[in-house]
Amino acid sequence: MIILIIGSLLLGAILGRFFNVLVLAPAFALSLAMVAASFAYFGHGLYFGHGLLCPLLEFAVLITSLQIGYVSGLLSFLIPSLSQRRGTMAAPAP
């Protein structure tokens, strides 16, 4: 689960850096397919007795981490511009 969260954060950061917000819908569908496949494969082991609660919670955590990664990718776009602005302000005037 932790690996999926970290992967979702990184994927969200990449998507936030290079794409607009509409790309999150297919990413949500991909995370839903991953959760459904893992529930179908491991359904009687880890999630025994919990019904659909654990997969729904896992899906909610994955899309939340995807959104956090997307926002961090958007904010990372501002970091180079801040450092470039500082470099031009620190230069002495001719």
PDB file of N, CA and C in Angstrom:
ATOM      1  N   MET A   1       0.822  -1.192   0.000  1.00  0.00           N
ATOM      2  CA  MET A   1       0.000   0.000   0.000  1.00  0.00           C
ATOM      3  C   MET A   1       0.864   1.253   0.000  1.00  0.00           C
ATOM      4  N   ILE A   2       1.934   1.238   0.767  1.00  0.00           N
ATOM      5  CA  ILE A   2       2.822   2.398   0.830  1.00  0.00           C
ATOM      6  C   ILE A   2       3.472   2.651  -0.529  1.00  0.00           C
ATOM      7  N   ILE A   3       3.821   1.585  -1.221  1.00  0.00           N
ATOM      8  CA  ILE A   3       4.438   1.730  -2.537  1.00  0.00           C
ATOM      9  C   ILE A   3       3.445   2.353  -3.517  1.00  0.00           C
ATOM     10  N   LEU A   4       2.193   1.955  -3.427  1.00  0.00           N
ATOM     11  CA  LEU A   4       1.173   2.542  -4.299  1.00  0.00           C
ATOM     12  C   LEU A   4       0.952   4.016  -3.988  1.00  0.00           C
ATOM     13  N   ILE A   5       1.014   4.382  -2.712  1.00  0.00           N
ATOM     14  CA  ILE A   5       0.841   5.784  -2.331  1.00  0.00           C
ATOM     15  C   ILE A   5       1.999   6.621  -2.859  1.00  0.00           C
ATOM     16  N   ILE A   6       3.220   6.133  -2.687  1.00  0.00           N
ATOM     17  CA  ILE A   6       4.388   6.871  -3.187  1.00  0.00           C
ATOM     18  C   ILE A   6       4.346   6.980  -4.704  1.00  0.00           C
ATOM     19  N   GLY A   7       3.978   5.892  -5.376  1.00  0.00           N
ATOM     20  CA  GLY A   7       3.846   5.928  -6.831  1.00  0.00           C
ATOM     21  C   GLY A   7       2.763   6.882  -7.281  1.00  0.00           C
ATOM     22  N   SER A   8       1.662   6.932  -6.534  1.00  0.00           N
ATOM     23  CA  SER A   8       0.583   7.853  -6.869  1.00  0.00           C
ATOM     24  C   SER A   8       1.006   9.304  -6.665  1.00  0.00           C
ATOM     25  N   LEU A   9       1.771   9.567  -5.609  1.00  0.00           N
ATOM     26  CA  LEU A   9       2.292  10.921  -5.393  1.00  0.00           C
ATOM     27  C   LEU A   9       3.219  11.347  -6.531  1.00  0.00           C
ATOM     28  N   LEU A  10       4.109  10.445  -6.933  1.00  0.00           N
ATOM     29  CA  LEU A  10       5.037  10.771  -8.017  1.00  0.00           C
ATOM     30  C   LEU A  10       4.313  10.948  -9.342  1.00  0.00           C
ATOM     31  N   LEU A  11       3.347  10.075  -9.618  1.00  0.00           N
ATOM     32  CA  LEU A  11       2.570  10.209 -10.846  1.00  0.00           C
ATOM     33  C   LEU A  11       1.784  11.511 -10.852  1.00  0.00           C
ATOM     34  N   GLY A  12       1.208  11.875  -9.710  1.00  0.00           N
ATOM     35  CA  GLY A  12       0.488  13.137  -9.613  1.00  0.00           C
ATOM     36  C   GLY A  12       1.401  14.336  -9.819  1.00  0.00           C
ATOM     37  N   ALA A  13       2.628  14.263  -9.295  1.00  0.00           N
ATOM     38  CA  ALA A  13       3.572  15.367  -9.485  1.00  0.00           C
ATOM     39  C   ALA A  13       3.960  15.509 -10.955  1.00  0.00           C
ATOM     40  N   ILE A  14       4.158  14.402 -11.629  1.00  0.00           N
ATOM     41  CA  ILE A  14       4.493  14.445 -13.060  1.00  0.00           C
ATOM     42  C   ILE A  14       3.318  14.996 -13.861  1.00  0.00           C
ATOM     43  N   LEU A  15       2.114  14.532 -13.544  1.00  0.00           N
ATOM     44  CA  LEU A  15       0.932  15.019 -14.254  1.00  0.00           C
ATOM     45  C   LEU A  15       0.688  16.498 -13.981  1.00  0.00           C
ATOM     46  N   GLY A  16       0.928  16.933 -12.758  1.00  0.00           N
ATOM     47  CA  GLY A  16       0.745  18.342 -12.420  1.00  0.00           C
ATOM     48  C   GLY A  16       1.762  19.238 -13.078  1.00  0.00           C
ATOM     49  N   ARG A  17       2.940  18.708 -13.324  1.00  0.00           N
ATOM     50  CA  ARG A  17       4.000  19.508 -13.940  1.00  0.00           C
ATOM     51  C   ARG A  17       3.766  19.719 -15.440  1.00  0.00           C
ATOM     52  N   PHE A  18       3.207  18.710 -16.111  1.00  0.00           N
ATOM     53  CA  PHE A  18       3.146  18.759 -17.567  1.00  0.00           C
ATOM     54  C   PHE A  18       1.743  18.805 -18.172  1.00  0.00           C
ATOM     55  N   PHE A  19       0.693  18.535 -17.398  1.00  0.00           N
ATOM     56  CA  PHE A  19      -0.659  18.454 -17.963  1.00  0.00           C
ATOM     57  C   PHE A  19      -1.626  19.313 -17.162  1.00  0.00           C
ATOM     58  N   ASN A  20      -2.823  19.525 -17.735  1.00  0.00           N
ATOM     59  CA  ASN A  20      -3.838  20.276 -17.006  1.00  0.00           C
ATOM     60  C   ASN A  20      -4.678  19.335 -16.151  1.00  0.00           C
ATOM     61  N   VAL A  21      -5.681  19.874 -15.480  1.00  0.00           N
ATOM     62  CA  VAL A  21      -6.419  19.128 -14.462  1.00  0.00           C
ATOM     63  C   VAL A  21      -7.286  18.020 -15.067  1.00  0.00           C
ATOM     64  N   LEU A  22      -7.600  18.099 -16.344  1.00  0.00           N
ATOM     65  CA  LEU A  22      -8.449  17.088 -16.970  1.00  0.00           C
ATOM     66  C   LEU A  22      -7.779  15.718 -17.063  1.00  0.00           C
ATOM     67  N   VAL A  23      -6.481  15.672 -16.900  1.00  0.00           N
ATOM     68  CA  VAL A  23      -5.775  14.397 -16.969  1.00  0.00           C
ATOM     69  C   VAL A  23      -5.993  13.573 -15.695  1.00  0.00           C
ATOM     70  N   LEU A  24      -6.546  14.184 -14.656  1.00  0.00           N
ATOM     71  CA  LEU A  24      -6.778  13.450 -13.417  1.00  0.00           C
ATOM     72  C   LEU A  24      -7.899  12.423 -13.551  1.00  0.00           C
ATOM     73  N   ALA A  25      -8.868  12.652 -14.433  1.00  0.00           N
ATOM     74  CA  ALA A  25      -9.971  11.695 -14.598  1.00  0.00           C
ATOM     75  C   ALA A  25      -9.484  10.325 -15.072  1.00  0.00           C
ATOM     76  N   PRO A  26      -8.651  10.230 -16.133  1.00  0.00           N
ATOM     77  CA  PRO A  26      -8.120   8.914 -16.491  1.00  0.00           C
ATOM     78  C   PRO A  26      -7.187   8.341 -15.417  1.00  0.00           C
ATOM     79  N   ALA A  27      -6.502   9.207 -14.691  1.00  0.00           N
ATOM     80  CA  ALA A  27      -5.635   8.720 -13.610  1.00  0.00           C
ATOM     81  C   ALA A  27      -6.479   8.127 -12.486  1.00  0.00           C
ATOM     82  N   PHE A  28      -7.630   8.726 -12.197  1.00  0.00           N
ATOM     83  CA  PHE A  28      -8.534   8.160 -11.196  1.00  0.00           C
ATOM     84  C   PHE A  28      -9.065   6.808 -11.663  1.00  0.00           C
ATOM     85  N   ALA A  29      -9.388   6.713 -12.950  1.00  0.00           N
ATOM     86  CA  ALA A  29      -9.874   5.443 -13.494  1.00  0.00           C
ATOM     87  C   ALA A  29      -8.794   4.369 -13.416  1.00  0.00           C
ATOM     88  N   LEU A  30      -7.555   4.757 -13.668  1.00  0.00           N
ATOM     89  CA  LEU A  30      -6.447   3.808 -13.566  1.00  0.00           C
ATOM     90  C   LEU A  30      -6.261   3.342 -12.130  1.00  0.00           C
ATOM     91  N   SER A  31      -6.370   4.249 -11.175  1.00  0.00           N
ATOM     92  CA  SER A  31      -6.224   3.838  -9.775  1.00  0.00           C
ATOM     93  C   SER A  31      -7.399   2.964  -9.336  1.00  0.00           C
ATOM     94  N   LEU A  32      -8.603   3.235  -9.841  1.00  0.00           N
ATOM     95  CA  LEU A  32      -9.743   2.374  -9.534  1.00  0.00           C
ATOM     96  C   LEU A  32      -9.535   0.975 -10.105  1.00  0.00           C
ATOM     97  N   ALA A  33      -8.990   0.890 -11.322  1.00  0.00           N
ATOM     98  CA  ALA A  33      -8.708  -0.420 -11.915  1.00  0.00           C
ATOM     99  C   ALA A  33      -7.637  -1.163 -11.121  1.00  0.00           C
ATOM    100  N   MET A  34      -6.636  -0.433 -10.618  1.00  0.00           N
ATOM    101  CA  MET A  34      -5.595  -1.080  -9.817  1.00  0.00           C
ATOM    102  C   MET A  34      -6.160  -1.611  -8.505  1.00  0.00           C
ATOM    103  N   VAL A  35      -7.013  -0.845  -7.863  1.00  0.00           N
ATOM    104  CA  VAL A  35      -7.615  -1.287  -6.608  1.00  0.00           C
ATOM    105  C   VAL A  35      -8.544  -2.470  -6.848  1.00  0.00           C
ATOM    106  N   ALA A  36      -9.326  -2.418  -7.922  1.00  0.00           N
ATOM    107  CA  ALA A  36     -10.233  -3.523  -8.233  1.00  0.00           C
ATOM    108  C   ALA A  36      -9.465  -4.797  -8.559  1.00  0.00           C
ATOM    109  N   ALA A  37      -8.355  -4.654  -9.289  1.00  0.00           N
ATOM    110  CA  ALA A  37      -7.548  -5.836  -9.616  1.00  0.00           C
ATOM    111  C   ALA A  37      -6.885  -6.410  -8.376  1.00  0.00           C
ATOM    112  N   SER A  38      -6.391  -5.561  -7.499  1.00  0.00           N
ATOM    113  CA  SER A  38      -5.762  -6.083  -6.286  1.00  0.00           C
ATOM    114  C   SER A  38      -6.806  -6.704  -5.363  1.00  0.00           C
ATOM    115  N   PHE A  39      -8.015  -6.160  -5.332  1.00  0.00           N
ATOM    116  CA  PHE A  39      -9.068  -6.763  -4.520  1.00  0.00           C
ATOM    117  C   PHE A  39      -9.494  -8.110  -5.092  1.00  0.00           C
ATOM    118  N   ALA A  40      -9.542  -8.205  -6.417  1.00  0.00           N
ATOM    119  CA  ALA A  40      -9.912  -9.480  -7.032  1.00  0.00           C
ATOM    120  C   ALA A  40      -8.828 -10.530  -6.816  1.00  0.00           C
ATOM    121  N   TYR A  41      -7.567 -10.101  -6.812  1.00  0.00           N
ATOM    122  CA  TYR A  41      -6.469 -11.056  -6.659  1.00  0.00           C
ATOM    123  C   TYR A  41      -6.261 -11.448  -5.203  1.00  0.00           C
ATOM    124  N   PHE A  42      -6.290 -10.472  -4.301  1.00  0.00           N
ATOM    125  CA  PHE A  42      -6.033 -10.729  -2.891  1.00  0.00           C
ATOM    126  C   PHE A  42      -7.310 -10.680  -2.063  1.00  0.00           C
ATOM    127  N   GLY A  43      -8.456 -10.816  -2.670  1.00  0.00           N
ATOM    128  CA  GLY A  43      -9.731 -10.588  -2.011  1.00  0.00           C
ATOM    129  C   GLY A  43      -9.998 -11.437  -0.786  1.00  0.00           C
ATOM    130  N   HIS A  44      -9.550 -12.672  -0.763  1.00  0.00           N
ATOM    131  CA  HIS A  44      -9.874 -13.535   0.368  1.00  0.00           C
ATOM    132  C   HIS A  44      -8.773 -13.581   1.411  1.00  0.00           C
ATOM    133  N   GLY A  45      -7.692 -12.887   1.205  1.00  0.00           N
ATOM    134  CA  GLY A  45      -6.608 -12.911   2.175  1.00  0.00           C
ATOM    135  C   GLY A  45      -6.643 -11.714   3.098  1.00  0.00           C
ATOM    136  N   LEU A  46      -6.184 -10.593   2.618  1.00  0.00           N
ATOM    137  CA  LEU A  46      -6.032  -9.397   3.439  1.00  0.00           C
ATOM    138  C   LEU A  46      -7.372  -8.764   3.779  1.00  0.00           C
ATOM    139  N   TYR A  47      -8.319  -8.783   2.878  1.00  0.00           N
ATOM    140  CA  TYR A  47      -9.587  -8.087   3.063  1.00  0.00           C
ATOM    141  C   TYR A  47     -10.706  -9.005   3.542  1.00  0.00           C
ATOM    142  N   PHE A  48     -10.381 -10.154   4.065  1.00  0.00           N
ATOM    143  CA  PHE A  48     -11.414 -11.114   4.454  1.00  0.00           C
ATOM    144  C   PHE A  48     -12.258 -10.552   5.595  1.00  0.00           C
ATOM    145  N   GLY A  49     -13.549 -10.537   5.415  1.00  0.00           N
ATOM    146  CA  GLY A  49     -14.465 -10.095   6.445  1.00  0.00           C
ATOM    147  C   GLY A  49     -14.767  -8.613   6.440  1.00  0.00           C
ATOM    148  N   HIS A  50     -14.153  -7.845   5.584  1.00  0.00           N
ATOM    149  CA  HIS A  50     -14.380  -6.410   5.566  1.00  0.00           C
ATOM    150  C   HIS A  50     -15.260  -5.959   4.404  1.00  0.00           C
ATOM    151  N   GLY A  51     -15.592  -6.840   3.492  1.00  0.00           N
ATOM    152  CA  GLY A  51     -16.440  -6.477   2.370  1.00  0.00           C
ATOM    153  C   GLY A  51     -15.758  -5.498   1.438  1.00  0.00           C
ATOM    154  N   LEU A  52     -16.459  -4.447   1.081  1.00  0.00           N
ATOM    155  CA  LEU A  52     -15.921  -3.449   0.163  1.00  0.00           C
ATOM    156  C   LEU A  52     -15.313  -2.245   0.871  1.00  0.00           C
ATOM    157  N   LEU A  53     -15.281  -2.262   2.186  1.00  0.00           N
ATOM    158  CA  LEU A  53     -14.778  -1.112   2.917  1.00  0.00           C
ATOM    159  C   LEU A  53     -13.290  -0.877   2.665  1.00  0.00           C
ATOM    160  N   CYS A  54     -12.483  -1.903   2.732  1.00  0.00           N
ATOM    161  CA  CYS A  54     -11.035  -1.746   2.545  1.00  0.00           C
ATOM    162  C   CYS A  54     -10.671  -1.297   1.127  1.00  0.00           C
ATOM    163  N   PRO A  55     -11.238  -1.881   0.074  1.00  0.00           N
ATOM    164  CA  PRO A  55     -10.907  -1.376  -1.261  1.00  0.00           C
ATOM    165  C   PRO A  55     -11.371   0.060  -1.494  1.00  0.00           C
ATOM    166  N   LEU A  56     -12.512   0.435  -0.944  1.00  0.00           N
ATOM    167  CA  LEU A  56     -12.967   1.819  -1.101  1.00  0.00           C
ATOM    168  C   LEU A  56     -12.066   2.783  -0.345  1.00  0.00           C
ATOM    169  N   LEU A  57     -11.607   2.379   0.831  1.00  0.00           N
ATOM    170  CA  LEU A  57     -10.672   3.205   1.583  1.00  0.00           C
ATOM    171  C   LEU A  57      -9.345   3.322   0.848  1.00  0.00           C
ATOM    172  N   GLU A  58      -8.896   2.209   0.265  1.00  0.00           N
ATOM    173  CA  GLU A  58      -7.650   2.225  -0.502  1.00  0.00           C
ATOM    174  C   GLU A  58      -7.776   3.133  -1.726  1.00  0.00           C
ATOM    175  N   PHE A  59      -8.916   3.089  -2.396  1.00  0.00           N
ATOM    176  CA  PHE A  59      -9.144   3.968  -3.544  1.00  0.00           C
ATOM    177  C   PHE A  59      -9.158   5.429  -3.114  1.00  0.00           C
ATOM    178  N   ALA A  60      -9.787   5.724  -1.982  1.00  0.00           N
ATOM    179  CA  ALA A  60      -9.831   7.103  -1.494  1.00  0.00           C
ATOM    180  C   ALA A  60      -8.430   7.610  -1.149  1.00  0.00           C
ATOM    181  N   VAL A  61      -7.620   6.763  -0.541  1.00  0.00           N
ATOM    182  CA  VAL A  61      -6.247   7.158  -0.196  1.00  0.00           C
ATOM    183  C   VAL A  61      -5.425   7.377  -1.464  1.00  0.00           C
ATOM    184  N   LEU A  62      -5.598   6.514  -2.458  1.00  0.00           N
ATOM    185  CA  LEU A  62      -4.830   6.660  -3.694  1.00  0.00           C
ATOM    186  C   LEU A  62      -5.207   7.918  -4.465  1.00  0.00           C
ATOM    187  N   ILE A  63      -6.486   8.231  -4.565  1.00  0.00           N
ATOM    188  CA  ILE A  63      -6.832   9.437  -5.322  1.00  0.00           C
ATOM    189  C   ILE A  63      -6.473  10.698  -4.538  1.00  0.00           C
ATOM    190  N   THR A  64      -6.497  10.603  -3.206  1.00  0.00           N
ATOM    191  CA  THR A  64      -6.064  11.751  -2.411  1.00  0.00           C
ATOM    192  C   THR A  64      -4.576  11.999  -2.590  1.00  0.00           C
ATOM    193  N   SER A  65      -3.779  10.935  -2.578  1.00  0.00           N
ATOM    194  CA  SER A  65      -2.334  11.114  -2.788  1.00  0.00           C
ATOM    195  C   SER A  65      -2.041  11.553  -4.219  1.00  0.00           C
ATOM    196  N   LEU A  66      -2.856  11.129  -5.170  1.00  0.00           N
ATOM    197  CA  LEU A  66      -2.696  11.590  -6.549  1.00  0.00           C
ATOM    198  C   LEU A  66      -2.982  13.088  -6.647  1.00  0.00           C
ATOM    199  N   GLN A  67      -3.994  13.560  -5.946  1.00  0.00           N
ATOM    200  CA  GLN A  67      -4.310  14.986  -5.953  1.00  0.00           C
ATOM    201  C   GLN A  67      -3.243  15.799  -5.236  1.00  0.00           C
ATOM    202  N   ILE A  68      -2.716  15.286  -4.135  1.00  0.00           N
ATOM    203  CA  ILE A  68      -1.631  15.981  -3.429  1.00  0.00           C
ATOM    204  C   ILE A  68      -0.397  16.056  -4.318  1.00  0.00           C
ATOM    205  N   GLY A  69      -0.095  14.977  -5.016  1.00  0.00           N
ATOM    206  CA  GLY A  69       1.018  14.991  -5.953  1.00  0.00           C
ATOM    207  C   GLY A  69       0.790  15.960  -7.096  1.00  0.00           C
ATOM    208  N   TYR A  70      -0.442  16.054  -7.570  1.00  0.00           N
ATOM    209  CA  TYR A  70      -0.761  16.988  -8.658  1.00  0.00           C
ATOM    210  C   TYR A  70      -0.537  18.429  -8.210  1.00  0.00           C
ATOM    211  N   VAL A  71      -0.985  18.755  -7.011  1.00  0.00           N
ATOM    212  CA  VAL A  71      -0.809  20.116  -6.497  1.00  0.00           C
ATOM    213  C   VAL A  71       0.672  20.412  -6.269  1.00  0.00           C
ATOM    214  N   SER A  72       1.418  19.442  -5.774  1.00  0.00           N
ATOM    215  CA  SER A  72       2.857  19.667  -5.593  1.00  0.00           C
ATOM    216  C   SER A  72       3.560  19.824  -6.934  1.00  0.00           C
ATOM    217  N   GLY A  73       3.085  19.124  -7.962  1.00  0.00           N
ATOM    218  CA  GLY A  73       3.633  19.326  -9.296  1.00  0.00           C
ATOM    219  C   GLY A  73       3.325  20.701  -9.840  1.00  0.00           C
ATOM    220  N   LEU A  74       2.133  21.204  -9.549  1.00  0.00           N
ATOM    221  CA  LEU A  74       1.791  22.574  -9.955  1.00  0.00           C
ATOM    222  C   LEU A  74       2.664  23.588  -9.230  1.00  0.00           C
ATOM    223  N   LEU A  75       2.879  23.378  -7.953  1.00  0.00           N
ATOM    224  CA  LEU A  75       3.679  24.313  -7.175  1.00  0.00           C
ATOM    225  C   LEU A  75       5.159  24.224  -7.515  1.00  0.00           C
ATOM    226  N   SER A  76       5.606  23.067  -7.987  1.00  0.00           N
ATOM    227  CA  SER A  76       7.020  22.947  -8.371  1.00  0.00           C
ATOM    228  C   SER A  76       7.327  23.776  -9.611  1.00  0.00           C
ATOM    229  N   PHE A  77       6.297  24.127 -10.356  1.00  0.00           N
ATOM    230  CA  PHE A  77       6.477  24.991 -11.517  1.00  0.00           C
ATOM    231  C   PHE A  77       6.909  26.389 -11.086  1.00  0.00           C
ATOM    232  N   LEU A  78       6.527  26.799  -9.883  1.00  0.00           N
ATOM    233  CA  LEU A  78       6.854  28.132  -9.385  1.00  0.00           C
ATOM    234  C   LEU A  78       8.262  28.213  -8.798  1.00  0.00           C
ATOM    235  N   ILE A  79       8.839  27.117  -8.394  1.00  0.00           N
ATOM    236  CA  ILE A  79      10.135  27.138  -7.713  1.00  0.00           C
ATOM    237  C   ILE A  79      11.258  27.684  -8.590  1.00  0.00           C
ATOM    238  N   PRO A  80      11.424  27.264  -9.847  1.00  0.00           N
ATOM    239  CA  PRO A  80      12.502  27.855 -10.654  1.00  0.00           C
ATOM    240  C   PRO A  80      12.308  29.349 -10.897  1.00  0.00           C
ATOM    241  N   SER A  81      11.077  29.788 -11.040  1.00  0.00           N
ATOM    242  CA  SER A  81      10.860  31.205 -11.284  1.00  0.00           C
ATOM    243  C   SER A  81      11.209  32.029 -10.046  1.00  0.00           C
ATOM    244  N   LEU A  82      11.009  31.501  -8.854  1.00  0.00           N
ATOM    245  CA  LEU A  82      11.392  32.210  -7.641  1.00  0.00           C
ATOM    246  C   LEU A  82      12.907  32.323  -7.527  1.00  0.00           C
ATOM    247  N   SER A  83      13.617  31.238  -7.862  1.00  0.00           N
ATOM    248  CA  SER A  83      15.077  31.287  -7.766  1.00  0.00           C
ATOM    249  C   SER A  83      15.661  32.191  -8.845  1.00  0.00           C
ATOM    250  N   GLN A  84      15.052  32.240 -10.009  1.00  0.00           N
ATOM    251  CA  GLN A  84      15.538  33.132 -11.057  1.00  0.00           C
ATOM    252  C   GLN A  84      15.285  34.585 -10.678  1.00  0.00           C
ATOM    253  N   ARG A  85      14.161  34.848 -10.034  1.00  0.00           N
ATOM    254  CA  ARG A  85      13.864  36.198  -9.603  1.00  0.00           C
ATOM    255  C   ARG A  85      14.847  36.654  -8.524  1.00  0.00           C
ATOM    256  N   ARG A  86      15.215  35.773  -7.626  1.00  0.00           N
ATOM    257  CA  ARG A  86      16.171  36.128  -6.595  1.00  0.00           C
ATOM    258  C   ARG A  86      17.544  36.427  -7.182  1.00  0.00           C
ATOM    259  N   GLY A  87      17.903  35.651  -8.208  1.00  0.00           N
ATOM    260  CA  GLY A  87      19.205  35.868  -8.845  1.00  0.00           C
ATOM    261  C   GLY A  87      19.280  37.202  -9.560  1.00  0.00           C
ATOM    262  N   THR A  88      18.201  37.646 -10.149  1.00  0.00           N
ATOM    263  CA  THR A  88      18.230  38.930 -10.853  1.00  0.00           C
ATOM    264  C   THR A  88      18.156  40.106  -9.888  1.00  0.00           C
ATOM    265  N   MET A  89      17.505  39.900  -8.729  1.00  0.00           N
ATOM    266  CA  MET A  89      17.426  40.978  -7.753  1.00  0.00           C
ATOM    267  C   MET A  89      18.748  41.184  -7.027  1.00  0.00           C
ATOM    268  N   ALA A  90      19.506  40.115  -6.859  1.00  0.00           N
ATOM    269  CA  ALA A  90      20.753  40.214  -6.099  1.00  0.00           C
ATOM    270  C   ALA A  90      21.885  40.831  -6.919  1.00  0.00           C
ATOM    271  N   ALA A  91      21.720  40.898  -8.233  1.00  0.00           N
ATOM    272  CA  ALA A  91      22.785  41.461  -9.080  1.00  0.00           C
ATOM    273  C   ALA A  91      22.829  42.976  -8.895  1.00  0.00           C
ATOM    274  N   PRO A  92      24.035  43.538  -8.817  1.00  0.00           N
ATOM    275  CA  PRO A  92      24.132  44.989  -8.649  1.00  0.00           C
ATOM    276  C   PRO A  92      23.738  45.721  -9.942  1.00  0.00           C
ATOM    277  N   ALA A  93      23.195  46.903  -9.756  1.00  0.00           N
ATOM    278  CA  ALA A  93      22.772  47.712 -10.901  1.00  0.00           C
ATOM    279  C   ALA A  93      24.005  48.300 -11.588  1.00  0.00           C
ATOM    280  N   PRO A  94      23.967  48.377 -12.930  1.00  0.00           N
ATOM    281  CA  PRO A  94      25.143  48.921 -13.642  1.00  0.00           C
ATOM    282  C   PRO A  94      25.324  50.407 -13.473  1.00  0.00           C
TER     283      PRO A  94
END
